[in-house]
Every structure is written in C-alpha cells, then in structure tokens.
Amino acid sequence: PGLIHEIMRWWVDFYTKIAKIVTAEIEIDYVFMWEDMAFKTGPLISPEMFKTFMSPYYTQLIDAFKSAGIDIILVDTDGNAEVLLDLFLDAGVNSMMPFEIAAGMEPLKIRKRLGHKLAMIGGIDKREVAKGPEAIKAEVMSKVPQLLEDGGFIPTLDHSTPPDISFDNHRYLTDLLRELGQKYGA
C-alpha cells in the first residue's frame, strides 16, 4: 500500500506541474485519462480500494486541472465499471467512455441513474455494427435519438473498430449518426 500511495502522490505532482506549465501557454479543452480498470462483469478493484488508492489523488489532480481552467475530465475505461461511477463523479470526473455494451454499460440505464452528472461517449454495440445495416439501425435507433435529444452524449462505437466491421457497415453507421446529429442539433 505504501508504494501505491507513493506512486499516486508522484502522479499527482507530475501532472499538476505539467498542467500548470501547459495551461499558461495553451487553452486546454479537456483532459483524457485511460484507466481500463474493468472487465466484462465488474471492476478490477473494489470500491473500497478505489476510495483508498484513487479517490484522494483523483480529487487533488482534478482540482488542479479545474483551477487551471480545464473543465472536462474524461476517463476511458473498458468493461463494466458501473459500481465505480459515483466514485469517479465524487472525484470530479464528468465524462466517460466507451460504455461497452457487452459488459452491461448501457447508456440509457446509466443516464436514468445519474442524470446529466456524467457526459457519455460511445455506447453503440460494435457486435451489432458488424451484422449490417438492419442491425445497425436497430441498435442506433434504440438509444441514440433519445440520448441526443437529452444531451451530454456523443454516439460512437463502444470500443475501437474490430476487423469484423466492414468499411460499408462503418460508413452506414457514420451516415446514420450524421443524419441523427443534424436532426437533433448535435
């Protein structure tokens, strides 16, 4: 535990100094952090471990980012991190991605529980996109219009594009999302 705390203190100090230097010269829109701390059925660490080893350091670092004028704190984690979402929010995270559907990270369910506390990016099941236009349209229309209308959502795949998604299927998805974005002013 002592080593982990030492690493986290160093991490906060290092990135706080970088943020201070960079934001003196450049306006930063957002910070993007990768955590990949979950697998299909849940997180790799418990909420108690998160509270002990992450929360205090995340809070301190995010406070420094926000003091430097960076308002959007985006975390990328695959898998199902749902039991940690409130802890991320408490630490100051306000947006996440990719909302992996195979792991149960359904954006509509999470929006219903958290409201607009958390902006979301992703949530389109890559497995459905691989199946073709009918499956793509069903997947997209089941959630994207409602989430775009509600706001705080950027629709995209729930992970990087796997090789079983053809160029034509990806183009169909992109065209459909562009059409919906224009319709809902996104």
N, C-alpha and C. Protein backbone atom coordinates (compact mmCIF):
# COMPACT_ATOMS: atom_id res chain seq x y z
N PRO A 1 0.82 -1.23 0.00
CA PRO A 1 0.00 0.00 0.00
C PRO A 1 0.85 1.28 0.00
N GLY A 2 1.95 1.26 0.76
CA GLY A 2 2.79 2.44 0.81
C GLY A 2 3.36 2.81 -0.55
N LEU A 3 3.78 1.81 -1.32
CA LEU A 3 4.31 2.06 -2.66
C LEU A 3 3.23 2.66 -3.57
N ILE A 4 2.01 2.12 -3.49
CA ILE A 4 0.93 2.64 -4.33
C ILE A 4 0.65 4.10 -3.97
N HIS A 5 0.59 4.42 -2.70
CA HIS A 5 0.38 5.82 -2.31
C HIS A 5 1.52 6.70 -2.81
N GLU A 6 2.74 6.23 -2.72
CA GLU A 6 3.89 6.99 -3.21
C GLU A 6 3.79 7.23 -4.71
N ILE A 7 3.42 6.19 -5.46
CA ILE A 7 3.24 6.33 -6.91
C ILE A 7 2.15 7.35 -7.21
N MET A 8 1.04 7.27 -6.50
CA MET A 8 -0.07 8.18 -6.75
C MET A 8 0.29 9.62 -6.40
N ARG A 9 1.03 9.81 -5.31
CA ARG A 9 1.47 11.18 -4.97
C ARG A 9 2.38 11.73 -6.07
N TRP A 10 3.28 10.89 -6.58
CA TRP A 10 4.17 11.31 -7.67
C TRP A 10 3.34 11.66 -8.91
N TRP A 11 2.36 10.80 -9.21
CA TRP A 11 1.48 11.00 -10.37
C TRP A 11 0.78 12.36 -10.28
N VAL A 12 0.21 12.67 -9.14
CA VAL A 12 -0.47 13.95 -8.95
C VAL A 12 0.51 15.11 -9.11
N ASP A 13 1.65 15.02 -8.46
CA ASP A 13 2.65 16.09 -8.54
C ASP A 13 3.11 16.31 -9.97
N PHE A 14 3.42 15.24 -10.67
CA PHE A 14 3.91 15.32 -12.05
C PHE A 14 2.87 15.98 -12.97
N TYR A 15 1.64 15.48 -12.95
CA TYR A 15 0.62 16.01 -13.86
C TYR A 15 0.12 17.40 -13.44
N THR A 16 0.17 17.70 -12.16
CA THR A 16 -0.18 19.05 -11.72
C THR A 16 0.83 20.06 -12.27
N LYS A 17 2.11 19.72 -12.20
CA LYS A 17 3.15 20.60 -12.75
C LYS A 17 3.02 20.75 -14.26
N ILE A 18 2.76 19.65 -14.94
CA ILE A 18 2.57 19.72 -16.40
C ILE A 18 1.39 20.62 -16.74
N ALA A 19 0.27 20.42 -16.05
CA ALA A 19 -0.92 21.23 -16.32
C ALA A 19 -0.65 22.70 -16.11
N LYS A 20 0.07 23.02 -15.07
CA LYS A 20 0.38 24.42 -14.77
C LYS A 20 1.22 25.05 -15.89
N ILE A 21 2.21 24.32 -16.36
CA ILE A 21 3.09 24.82 -17.42
C ILE A 21 2.32 24.95 -18.74
N VAL A 22 1.61 23.91 -19.10
CA VAL A 22 0.91 23.89 -20.39
C VAL A 22 -0.21 24.92 -20.44
N THR A 23 -1.02 25.01 -19.38
CA THR A 23 -2.16 25.92 -19.42
C THR A 23 -1.75 27.39 -19.32
N ALA A 24 -0.51 27.65 -18.97
CA ALA A 24 -0.01 29.03 -19.01
C ALA A 24 0.17 29.49 -20.46
N GLU A 25 0.32 28.53 -21.37
CA GLU A 25 0.57 28.84 -22.78
C GLU A 25 -0.57 28.47 -23.71
N ILE A 26 -1.35 27.48 -23.33
CA ILE A 26 -2.36 26.91 -24.23
C ILE A 26 -3.66 26.72 -23.46
N GLU A 27 -4.77 27.05 -24.12
CA GLU A 27 -6.08 26.76 -23.52
C GLU A 27 -6.43 25.30 -23.79
N ILE A 28 -6.63 24.55 -22.74
CA ILE A 28 -6.93 23.12 -22.85
C ILE A 28 -8.43 22.91 -22.66
N ASP A 29 -9.04 22.18 -23.60
CA ASP A 29 -10.48 21.93 -23.53
C ASP A 29 -10.82 20.80 -22.57
N TYR A 30 -9.99 19.76 -22.55
CA TYR A 30 -10.30 18.62 -21.71
C TYR A 30 -9.05 17.80 -21.42
N VAL A 31 -9.15 17.00 -20.38
CA VAL A 31 -8.12 16.02 -20.03
C VAL A 31 -8.71 14.65 -20.29
N PHE A 32 -7.93 13.80 -20.92
CA PHE A 32 -8.37 12.45 -21.27
C PHE A 32 -7.46 11.46 -20.54
N MET A 33 -8.05 10.67 -19.64
CA MET A 33 -7.27 9.70 -18.87
C MET A 33 -7.75 8.29 -19.19
N TRP A 34 -6.80 7.38 -19.37
CA TRP A 34 -7.11 5.98 -19.60
C TRP A 34 -6.97 5.24 -18.30
N GLU A 35 -7.96 4.46 -17.96
CA GLU A 35 -7.88 3.64 -16.76
C GLU A 35 -8.03 2.16 -17.08
N ASP A 36 -8.87 1.80 -18.04
CA ASP A 36 -9.12 0.40 -18.37
C ASP A 36 -9.06 -0.48 -17.12
N MET A 37 -9.94 -0.16 -16.19
CA MET A 37 -9.89 -0.81 -14.88
C MET A 37 -11.07 -1.75 -14.62
N ALA A 38 -11.66 -2.26 -15.70
CA ALA A 38 -12.78 -3.18 -15.50
C ALA A 38 -12.76 -4.24 -16.58
N PHE A 39 -13.40 -5.34 -16.28
CA PHE A 39 -13.59 -6.39 -17.27
C PHE A 39 -15.09 -6.60 -17.44
N LYS A 40 -15.50 -7.62 -18.11
CA LYS A 40 -16.89 -7.76 -18.53
C LYS A 40 -17.89 -7.70 -17.38
N THR A 41 -17.57 -8.26 -16.23
CA THR A 41 -18.57 -8.34 -15.16
C THR A 41 -18.35 -7.36 -14.02
N GLY A 42 -17.29 -6.58 -14.06
CA GLY A 42 -17.07 -5.62 -12.99
C GLY A 42 -15.67 -5.06 -12.99
N PRO A 43 -15.40 -4.17 -12.05
CA PRO A 43 -14.09 -3.52 -12.00
C PRO A 43 -13.00 -4.46 -11.48
N LEU A 44 -11.78 -4.11 -11.77
CA LEU A 44 -10.63 -4.89 -11.32
C LEU A 44 -10.25 -4.57 -9.88
N ILE A 45 -10.80 -3.48 -9.35
CA ILE A 45 -10.58 -3.13 -7.95
C ILE A 45 -11.93 -2.86 -7.31
N SER A 46 -11.99 -3.02 -6.01
CA SER A 46 -13.24 -2.80 -5.29
C SER A 46 -13.48 -1.31 -5.08
N PRO A 47 -14.72 -0.93 -4.79
CA PRO A 47 -14.98 0.47 -4.44
C PRO A 47 -14.13 0.92 -3.25
N GLU A 48 -13.91 0.06 -2.28
CA GLU A 48 -13.08 0.43 -1.12
C GLU A 48 -11.64 0.71 -1.54
N MET A 49 -11.11 -0.11 -2.43
CA MET A 49 -9.75 0.13 -2.93
C MET A 49 -9.70 1.44 -3.72
N PHE A 50 -10.74 1.70 -4.51
CA PHE A 50 -10.82 2.95 -5.25
C PHE A 50 -10.77 4.13 -4.29
N LYS A 51 -11.59 4.05 -3.23
CA LYS A 51 -11.64 5.14 -2.23
C LYS A 51 -10.28 5.35 -1.57
N THR A 52 -9.56 4.27 -1.32
CA THR A 52 -8.26 4.36 -0.64
C THR A 52 -7.15 4.82 -1.57
N PHE A 53 -7.06 4.20 -2.75
CA PHE A 53 -5.89 4.40 -3.60
C PHE A 53 -6.11 5.35 -4.77
N MET A 54 -7.33 5.72 -5.06
CA MET A 54 -7.57 6.59 -6.22
C MET A 54 -8.28 7.89 -5.86
N SER A 55 -9.37 7.79 -5.11
CA SER A 55 -10.19 8.98 -4.85
C SER A 55 -9.40 10.20 -4.37
N PRO A 56 -8.57 10.08 -3.33
CA PRO A 56 -7.90 11.29 -2.85
C PRO A 56 -6.98 11.91 -3.90
N TYR A 57 -6.36 11.07 -4.69
CA TYR A 57 -5.41 11.56 -5.69
C TYR A 57 -6.13 12.12 -6.91
N TYR A 58 -7.17 11.43 -7.33
CA TYR A 58 -8.00 11.95 -8.42
C TYR A 58 -8.57 13.32 -8.04
N THR A 59 -9.11 13.43 -6.84
CA THR A 59 -9.70 14.69 -6.40
C THR A 59 -8.67 15.81 -6.43
N GLN A 60 -7.49 15.55 -5.90
CA GLN A 60 -6.44 16.57 -5.87
C GLN A 60 -6.02 16.95 -7.29
N LEU A 61 -5.82 15.96 -8.15
CA LEU A 61 -5.38 16.25 -9.52
C LEU A 61 -6.47 16.98 -10.30
N ILE A 62 -7.71 16.53 -10.18
CA ILE A 62 -8.80 17.17 -10.91
C ILE A 62 -9.03 18.59 -10.41
N ASP A 63 -8.91 18.81 -9.12
CA ASP A 63 -9.00 20.18 -8.60
C ASP A 63 -7.93 21.06 -9.24
N ALA A 64 -6.72 20.53 -9.39
CA ALA A 64 -5.65 21.30 -10.04
C ALA A 64 -5.98 21.57 -11.50
N PHE A 65 -6.51 20.57 -12.20
CA PHE A 65 -6.91 20.77 -13.59
C PHE A 65 -7.98 21.85 -13.70
N LYS A 66 -8.97 21.76 -12.85
CA LYS A 66 -10.07 22.73 -12.90
C LYS A 66 -9.59 24.13 -12.53
N SER A 67 -8.66 24.22 -11.59
CA SER A 67 -8.08 25.52 -11.23
C SER A 67 -7.30 26.11 -12.40
N ALA A 68 -6.79 25.23 -13.26
CA ALA A 68 -6.05 25.68 -14.44
C ALA A 68 -6.98 25.97 -15.62
N GLY A 69 -8.30 25.86 -15.40
CA GLY A 69 -9.26 26.20 -16.44
C GLY A 69 -9.71 25.04 -17.31
N ILE A 70 -9.37 23.82 -16.92
CA ILE A 70 -9.79 22.65 -17.68
C ILE A 70 -11.06 22.11 -17.04
N ASP A 71 -12.17 22.21 -17.78
CA ASP A 71 -13.46 21.87 -17.21
C ASP A 71 -13.92 20.44 -17.47
N ILE A 72 -13.44 19.83 -18.54
CA ILE A 72 -13.91 18.50 -18.91
C ILE A 72 -12.85 17.48 -18.53
N ILE A 73 -13.25 16.54 -17.69
CA ILE A 73 -12.35 15.47 -17.26
C ILE A 73 -12.96 14.16 -17.77
N LEU A 74 -12.32 13.58 -18.78
CA LEU A 74 -12.83 12.40 -19.48
C LEU A 74 -11.99 11.18 -19.11
N VAL A 75 -12.65 10.12 -18.69
CA VAL A 75 -11.97 8.87 -18.36
C VAL A 75 -12.44 7.78 -19.31
N ASP A 76 -11.49 7.03 -19.84
CA ASP A 76 -11.76 5.88 -20.69
C ASP A 76 -11.53 4.63 -19.86
N THR A 77 -12.55 3.82 -19.72
CA THR A 77 -12.38 2.51 -19.11
C THR A 77 -13.30 1.52 -19.80
N ASP A 78 -12.72 0.43 -20.22
CA ASP A 78 -13.50 -0.64 -20.83
C ASP A 78 -14.18 -1.44 -19.73
N GLY A 79 -15.01 -2.40 -20.15
CA GLY A 79 -15.65 -3.29 -19.20
C GLY A 79 -16.76 -2.60 -18.42
N ASN A 80 -17.14 -3.24 -17.33
CA ASN A 80 -18.24 -2.74 -16.52
C ASN A 80 -17.70 -2.08 -15.25
N ALA A 81 -17.65 -0.79 -15.25
CA ALA A 81 -17.17 0.00 -14.10
C ALA A 81 -18.34 0.70 -13.40
N GLU A 82 -19.54 0.21 -13.62
CA GLU A 82 -20.72 0.91 -13.11
C GLU A 82 -20.68 1.16 -11.61
N VAL A 83 -20.21 0.20 -10.81
CA VAL A 83 -20.19 0.41 -9.36
C VAL A 83 -19.18 1.47 -8.93
N LEU A 84 -18.32 1.90 -9.86
CA LEU A 84 -17.34 2.94 -9.54
C LEU A 84 -17.74 4.33 -10.06
N LEU A 85 -18.82 4.40 -10.83
CA LEU A 85 -19.17 5.68 -11.47
C LEU A 85 -19.39 6.79 -10.45
N ASP A 86 -20.09 6.51 -9.37
CA ASP A 86 -20.32 7.55 -8.36
C ASP A 86 -19.00 8.02 -7.74
N LEU A 87 -18.07 7.10 -7.57
CA LEU A 87 -16.76 7.48 -7.01
C LEU A 87 -15.98 8.34 -7.99
N PHE A 88 -16.04 8.02 -9.27
CA PHE A 88 -15.42 8.88 -10.28
C PHE A 88 -16.04 10.28 -10.24
N LEU A 89 -17.37 10.32 -10.17
CA LEU A 89 -18.07 11.61 -10.11
C LEU A 89 -17.66 12.40 -8.88
N ASP A 90 -17.61 11.74 -7.73
CA ASP A 90 -17.22 12.41 -6.49
C ASP A 90 -15.81 13.00 -6.58
N ALA A 91 -14.95 12.35 -7.34
CA ALA A 91 -13.57 12.83 -7.50
C ALA A 91 -13.47 13.97 -8.51
N GLY A 92 -14.54 14.21 -9.28
CA GLY A 92 -14.53 15.32 -10.22
C GLY A 92 -14.58 14.93 -11.69
N VAL A 93 -14.59 13.65 -12.00
CA VAL A 93 -14.73 13.20 -13.39
C VAL A 93 -16.14 13.57 -13.85
N ASN A 94 -16.26 14.10 -15.06
CA ASN A 94 -17.58 14.48 -15.54
C ASN A 94 -17.93 13.91 -16.92
N SER A 95 -17.06 13.08 -17.47
CA SER A 95 -17.39 12.40 -18.72
C SER A 95 -16.59 11.11 -18.82
N MET A 96 -17.21 10.12 -19.46
CA MET A 96 -16.56 8.81 -19.59
C MET A 96 -16.88 8.20 -20.95
N MET A 97 -16.08 7.20 -21.28
CA MET A 97 -16.27 6.42 -22.49
C MET A 97 -15.64 5.05 -22.28
N PRO A 98 -15.90 4.04 -23.03
CA PRO A 98 -16.73 3.92 -24.22
C PRO A 98 -18.10 3.29 -23.98
N PHE A 99 -18.46 2.96 -22.72
CA PHE A 99 -19.75 2.35 -22.40
C PHE A 99 -19.97 1.08 -23.21
N GLU A 100 -19.17 0.09 -22.85
CA GLU A 100 -19.12 -1.19 -23.56
C GLU A 100 -20.39 -2.00 -23.29
N ILE A 101 -21.16 -2.21 -24.33
CA ILE A 101 -22.46 -2.86 -24.21
C ILE A 101 -22.33 -4.32 -23.79
N ALA A 102 -21.34 -5.04 -24.30
CA ALA A 102 -21.15 -6.44 -23.92
C ALA A 102 -20.89 -6.60 -22.43
N ALA A 103 -20.46 -5.52 -21.78
CA ALA A 103 -20.20 -5.55 -20.35
C ALA A 103 -21.36 -4.98 -19.54
N GLY A 104 -22.46 -4.62 -20.20
CA GLY A 104 -23.63 -4.12 -19.49
C GLY A 104 -23.63 -2.62 -19.23
N MET A 105 -22.77 -1.88 -19.87
CA MET A 105 -22.69 -0.43 -19.65
C MET A 105 -23.64 0.30 -20.62
N GLU A 106 -24.92 0.11 -20.42
CA GLU A 106 -25.96 0.70 -21.28
C GLU A 106 -26.15 2.17 -20.96
N PRO A 107 -25.93 3.06 -21.93
CA PRO A 107 -26.04 4.50 -21.67
C PRO A 107 -27.41 4.95 -21.17
N LEU A 108 -28.49 4.37 -21.68
CA LEU A 108 -29.82 4.80 -21.21
C LEU A 108 -30.02 4.47 -19.74
N LYS A 109 -29.58 3.31 -19.31
CA LYS A 109 -29.69 2.90 -17.91
C LYS A 109 -28.85 3.83 -17.02
N ILE A 110 -27.65 4.12 -17.47
CA ILE A 110 -26.75 4.96 -16.68
C ILE A 110 -27.26 6.40 -16.65
N ARG A 111 -27.79 6.89 -17.76
CA ARG A 111 -28.36 8.25 -17.79
C ARG A 111 -29.53 8.34 -16.83
N LYS A 112 -30.37 7.30 -16.80
CA LYS A 112 -31.52 7.31 -15.91
C LYS A 112 -31.06 7.39 -14.45
N ARG A 113 -29.99 6.69 -14.11
CA ARG A 113 -29.49 6.67 -12.73
C ARG A 113 -28.73 7.94 -12.37
N LEU A 114 -27.91 8.44 -13.28
CA LEU A 114 -27.02 9.56 -12.94
C LEU A 114 -27.46 10.91 -13.49
N GLY A 115 -28.45 10.91 -14.37
CA GLY A 115 -28.85 12.18 -14.98
C GLY A 115 -27.71 12.76 -15.79
N HIS A 116 -27.56 14.06 -15.71
CA HIS A 116 -26.54 14.75 -16.51
C HIS A 116 -25.24 14.98 -15.75
N LYS A 117 -25.04 14.28 -14.66
CA LYS A 117 -23.78 14.41 -13.93
C LYS A 117 -22.61 13.90 -14.76
N LEU A 118 -22.90 12.99 -15.69
CA LEU A 118 -21.85 12.34 -16.45
C LEU A 118 -22.17 12.40 -17.94
N ALA A 119 -21.31 13.08 -18.70
CA ALA A 119 -21.43 13.05 -20.15
C ALA A 119 -20.88 11.71 -20.64
N MET A 120 -21.43 11.22 -21.74
CA MET A 120 -21.07 9.89 -22.21
C MET A 120 -20.67 9.91 -23.68
N ILE A 121 -19.66 9.11 -24.00
CA ILE A 121 -19.21 8.92 -25.37
C ILE A 121 -19.18 7.41 -25.62
N GLY A 122 -19.78 6.97 -26.71
CA GLY A 122 -19.75 5.55 -27.06
C GLY A 122 -21.11 4.92 -27.03
N GLY A 123 -21.20 3.69 -26.49
CA GLY A 123 -22.47 3.04 -26.26
C GLY A 123 -23.14 2.38 -27.44
N ILE A 124 -22.48 2.33 -28.60
CA ILE A 124 -23.07 1.63 -29.74
C ILE A 124 -22.35 0.29 -29.86
N ASP A 125 -23.12 -0.77 -29.76
CA ASP A 125 -22.58 -2.12 -29.71
C ASP A 125 -21.87 -2.49 -31.01
N LYS A 126 -20.57 -2.67 -30.92
CA LYS A 126 -19.75 -3.00 -32.08
C LYS A 126 -20.17 -4.33 -32.71
N ARG A 127 -20.69 -5.25 -31.90
CA ARG A 127 -21.12 -6.54 -32.42
C ARG A 127 -22.32 -6.38 -33.37
N GLU A 128 -23.20 -5.44 -33.05
CA GLU A 128 -24.36 -5.19 -33.91
C GLU A 128 -23.94 -4.50 -35.21
N VAL A 129 -22.97 -3.63 -35.13
CA VAL A 129 -22.48 -2.92 -36.32
C VAL A 129 -21.87 -3.92 -37.30
N ALA A 130 -21.27 -4.97 -36.82
CA ALA A 130 -20.68 -5.99 -37.69
C ALA A 130 -21.73 -6.76 -38.48
N LYS A 131 -22.98 -6.75 -38.01
CA LYS A 131 -24.04 -7.56 -38.63
C LYS A 131 -24.66 -6.92 -39.87
N GLY A 132 -24.50 -5.62 -40.05
CA GLY A 132 -25.05 -5.00 -41.25
C GLY A 132 -26.11 -3.94 -40.96
N PRO A 133 -26.60 -3.31 -42.03
CA PRO A 133 -27.48 -2.14 -41.90
C PRO A 133 -28.72 -2.33 -41.02
N GLU A 134 -29.42 -3.45 -41.13
CA GLU A 134 -30.63 -3.63 -40.31
C GLU A 134 -30.28 -3.65 -38.82
N ALA A 135 -29.26 -4.39 -38.48
CA ALA A 135 -28.84 -4.46 -37.07
C ALA A 135 -28.29 -3.13 -36.59
N ILE A 136 -27.57 -2.44 -37.46
CA ILE A 136 -27.03 -1.12 -37.10
C ILE A 136 -28.16 -0.16 -36.80
N LYS A 137 -29.13 -0.11 -37.69
CA LYS A 137 -30.24 0.82 -37.50
C LYS A 137 -31.01 0.50 -36.22
N ALA A 138 -31.26 -0.78 -35.96
CA ALA A 138 -31.98 -1.16 -34.74
C ALA A 138 -31.19 -0.74 -33.51
N GLU A 139 -29.89 -0.99 -33.50
CA GLU A 139 -29.04 -0.63 -32.36
C GLU A 139 -29.04 0.88 -32.14
N VAL A 140 -28.81 1.61 -33.20
CA VAL A 140 -28.71 3.07 -33.09
C VAL A 140 -30.05 3.68 -32.68
N MET A 141 -31.12 3.26 -33.31
CA MET A 141 -32.42 3.87 -33.03
C MET A 141 -32.96 3.49 -31.66
N SER A 142 -32.43 2.44 -31.05
CA SER A 142 -32.89 2.04 -29.73
C SER A 142 -32.42 2.99 -28.63
N LYS A 143 -31.43 3.84 -28.92
CA LYS A 143 -30.91 4.70 -27.85
C LYS A 143 -30.44 6.07 -28.31
N VAL A 144 -29.87 6.17 -29.49
CA VAL A 144 -29.21 7.41 -29.89
C VAL A 144 -30.17 8.60 -29.98
N PRO A 145 -31.34 8.49 -30.63
CA PRO A 145 -32.21 9.67 -30.68
C PRO A 145 -32.56 10.22 -29.29
N GLN A 146 -32.92 9.33 -28.38
CA GLN A 146 -33.29 9.75 -27.03
C GLN A 146 -32.11 10.43 -26.32
N LEU A 147 -30.92 9.86 -26.45
CA LEU A 147 -29.75 10.42 -25.78
C LEU A 147 -29.30 11.73 -26.43
N LEU A 148 -29.38 11.82 -27.75
CA LEU A 148 -29.03 13.09 -28.41
C LEU A 148 -30.00 14.20 -28.02
N GLU A 149 -31.27 13.86 -27.98
CA GLU A 149 -32.27 14.84 -27.60
C GLU A 149 -32.05 15.31 -26.16
N ASP A 150 -31.64 14.39 -25.31
CA ASP A 150 -31.40 14.70 -23.90
C ASP A 150 -30.10 15.49 -23.69
N GLY A 151 -29.13 15.26 -24.56
CA GLY A 151 -27.85 15.99 -24.48
C GLY A 151 -26.81 15.27 -23.64
N GLY A 152 -25.57 15.73 -23.75
CA GLY A 152 -24.49 15.14 -22.98
C GLY A 152 -24.08 13.77 -23.46
N PHE A 153 -24.22 13.51 -24.76
CA PHE A 153 -23.92 12.20 -25.32
C PHE A 153 -23.34 12.35 -26.71
N ILE A 154 -22.23 11.66 -26.96
CA ILE A 154 -21.63 11.58 -28.29
C ILE A 154 -21.67 10.11 -28.70
N PRO A 155 -22.48 9.78 -29.72
CA PRO A 155 -22.59 8.38 -30.11
C PRO A 155 -21.40 7.92 -30.94
N THR A 156 -20.87 6.79 -30.55
CA THR A 156 -19.81 6.12 -31.32
C THR A 156 -19.73 4.69 -30.84
N LEU A 157 -18.86 3.92 -31.45
CA LEU A 157 -18.72 2.52 -31.04
C LEU A 157 -18.32 2.41 -29.58
N ASP A 158 -18.68 1.29 -29.00
CA ASP A 158 -18.39 1.05 -27.59
C ASP A 158 -16.98 0.51 -27.37
N HIS A 159 -16.14 0.63 -28.34
CA HIS A 159 -14.74 0.23 -28.27
C HIS A 159 -14.13 0.57 -29.62
N SER A 160 -12.89 0.26 -29.82
CA SER A 160 -12.30 0.51 -31.14
C SER A 160 -12.94 -0.43 -32.16
N THR A 161 -12.80 -0.08 -33.43
CA THR A 161 -13.45 -0.83 -34.50
C THR A 161 -12.74 -2.17 -34.72
N PRO A 162 -13.43 -3.28 -34.50
CA PRO A 162 -12.81 -4.59 -34.72
C PRO A 162 -12.79 -4.93 -36.21
N PRO A 163 -11.97 -5.91 -36.60
CA PRO A 163 -11.82 -6.24 -38.02
C PRO A 163 -13.07 -6.83 -38.66
N ASP A 164 -14.04 -7.29 -37.87
CA ASP A 164 -15.24 -7.86 -38.49
C ASP A 164 -16.27 -6.80 -38.89
N ILE A 165 -15.97 -5.53 -38.65
CA ILE A 165 -16.84 -4.45 -39.14
C ILE A 165 -16.31 -4.01 -40.49
N SER A 166 -17.11 -4.22 -41.52
CA SER A 166 -16.70 -3.85 -42.87
C SER A 166 -16.71 -2.33 -43.03
N PHE A 167 -16.00 -1.88 -44.05
CA PHE A 167 -15.99 -0.45 -44.36
C PHE A 167 -17.41 0.02 -44.66
N ASP A 168 -18.16 -0.77 -45.40
CA ASP A 168 -19.54 -0.38 -45.75
C ASP A 168 -20.41 -0.26 -44.51
N ASN A 169 -20.27 -1.19 -43.56
CA ASN A 169 -21.05 -1.10 -42.32
C ASN A 169 -20.64 0.13 -41.51
N HIS A 170 -19.36 0.40 -41.46
CA HIS A 170 -18.91 1.58 -40.71
C HIS A 170 -19.41 2.86 -41.38
N ARG A 171 -19.38 2.88 -42.69
CA ARG A 171 -19.89 4.05 -43.41
C ARG A 171 -21.39 4.21 -43.18
N TYR A 172 -22.14 3.10 -43.17
CA TYR A 172 -23.57 3.18 -42.90
C TYR A 172 -23.81 3.76 -41.50
N LEU A 173 -23.07 3.27 -40.52
CA LEU A 173 -23.19 3.80 -39.16
C LEU A 173 -22.88 5.29 -39.13
N THR A 174 -21.80 5.69 -39.76
CA THR A 174 -21.40 7.10 -39.77
C THR A 174 -22.47 7.97 -40.43
N ASP A 175 -23.01 7.53 -41.55
CA ASP A 175 -24.05 8.30 -42.24
C ASP A 175 -25.31 8.42 -41.37
N LEU A 176 -25.69 7.32 -40.72
CA LEU A 176 -26.87 7.34 -39.86
C LEU A 176 -26.66 8.28 -38.67
N LEU A 177 -25.49 8.23 -38.06
CA LEU A 177 -25.20 9.11 -36.92
C LEU A 177 -25.16 10.57 -37.37
N ARG A 178 -24.61 10.83 -38.54
CA ARG A 178 -24.57 12.20 -39.05
C ARG A 178 -25.99 12.72 -39.27
N GLU A 179 -26.85 11.89 -39.84
CA GLU A 179 -28.25 12.27 -40.07
C GLU A 179 -28.96 12.57 -38.75
N LEU A 180 -28.76 11.73 -37.76
CA LEU A 180 -29.39 11.96 -36.45
C LEU A 180 -28.81 13.20 -35.77
N GLY A 181 -27.52 13.39 -35.90
CA GLY A 181 -26.89 14.58 -35.33
C GLY A 181 -27.47 15.86 -35.91
N GLN A 182 -27.69 15.86 -37.21
CA GLN A 182 -28.30 17.05 -37.82
C GLN A 182 -29.73 17.24 -37.36
N LYS A 183 -30.45 16.15 -37.23
CA LYS A 183 -31.85 16.22 -36.81
C LYS A 183 -31.97 16.76 -35.37
N TYR A 184 -31.06 16.33 -34.50
CA TYR A 184 -31.14 16.72 -33.08
C TYR A 184 -30.19 17.85 -32.72
N GLY A 185 -29.58 18.45 -33.72
CA GLY A 185 -28.73 19.61 -33.47
C GLY A 185 -27.46 19.27 -32.70
N ALA A 186 -27.01 18.05 -32.83
CA ALA A 186 -25.79 17.63 -32.10
C ALA A 186 -24.55 17.92 -32.92
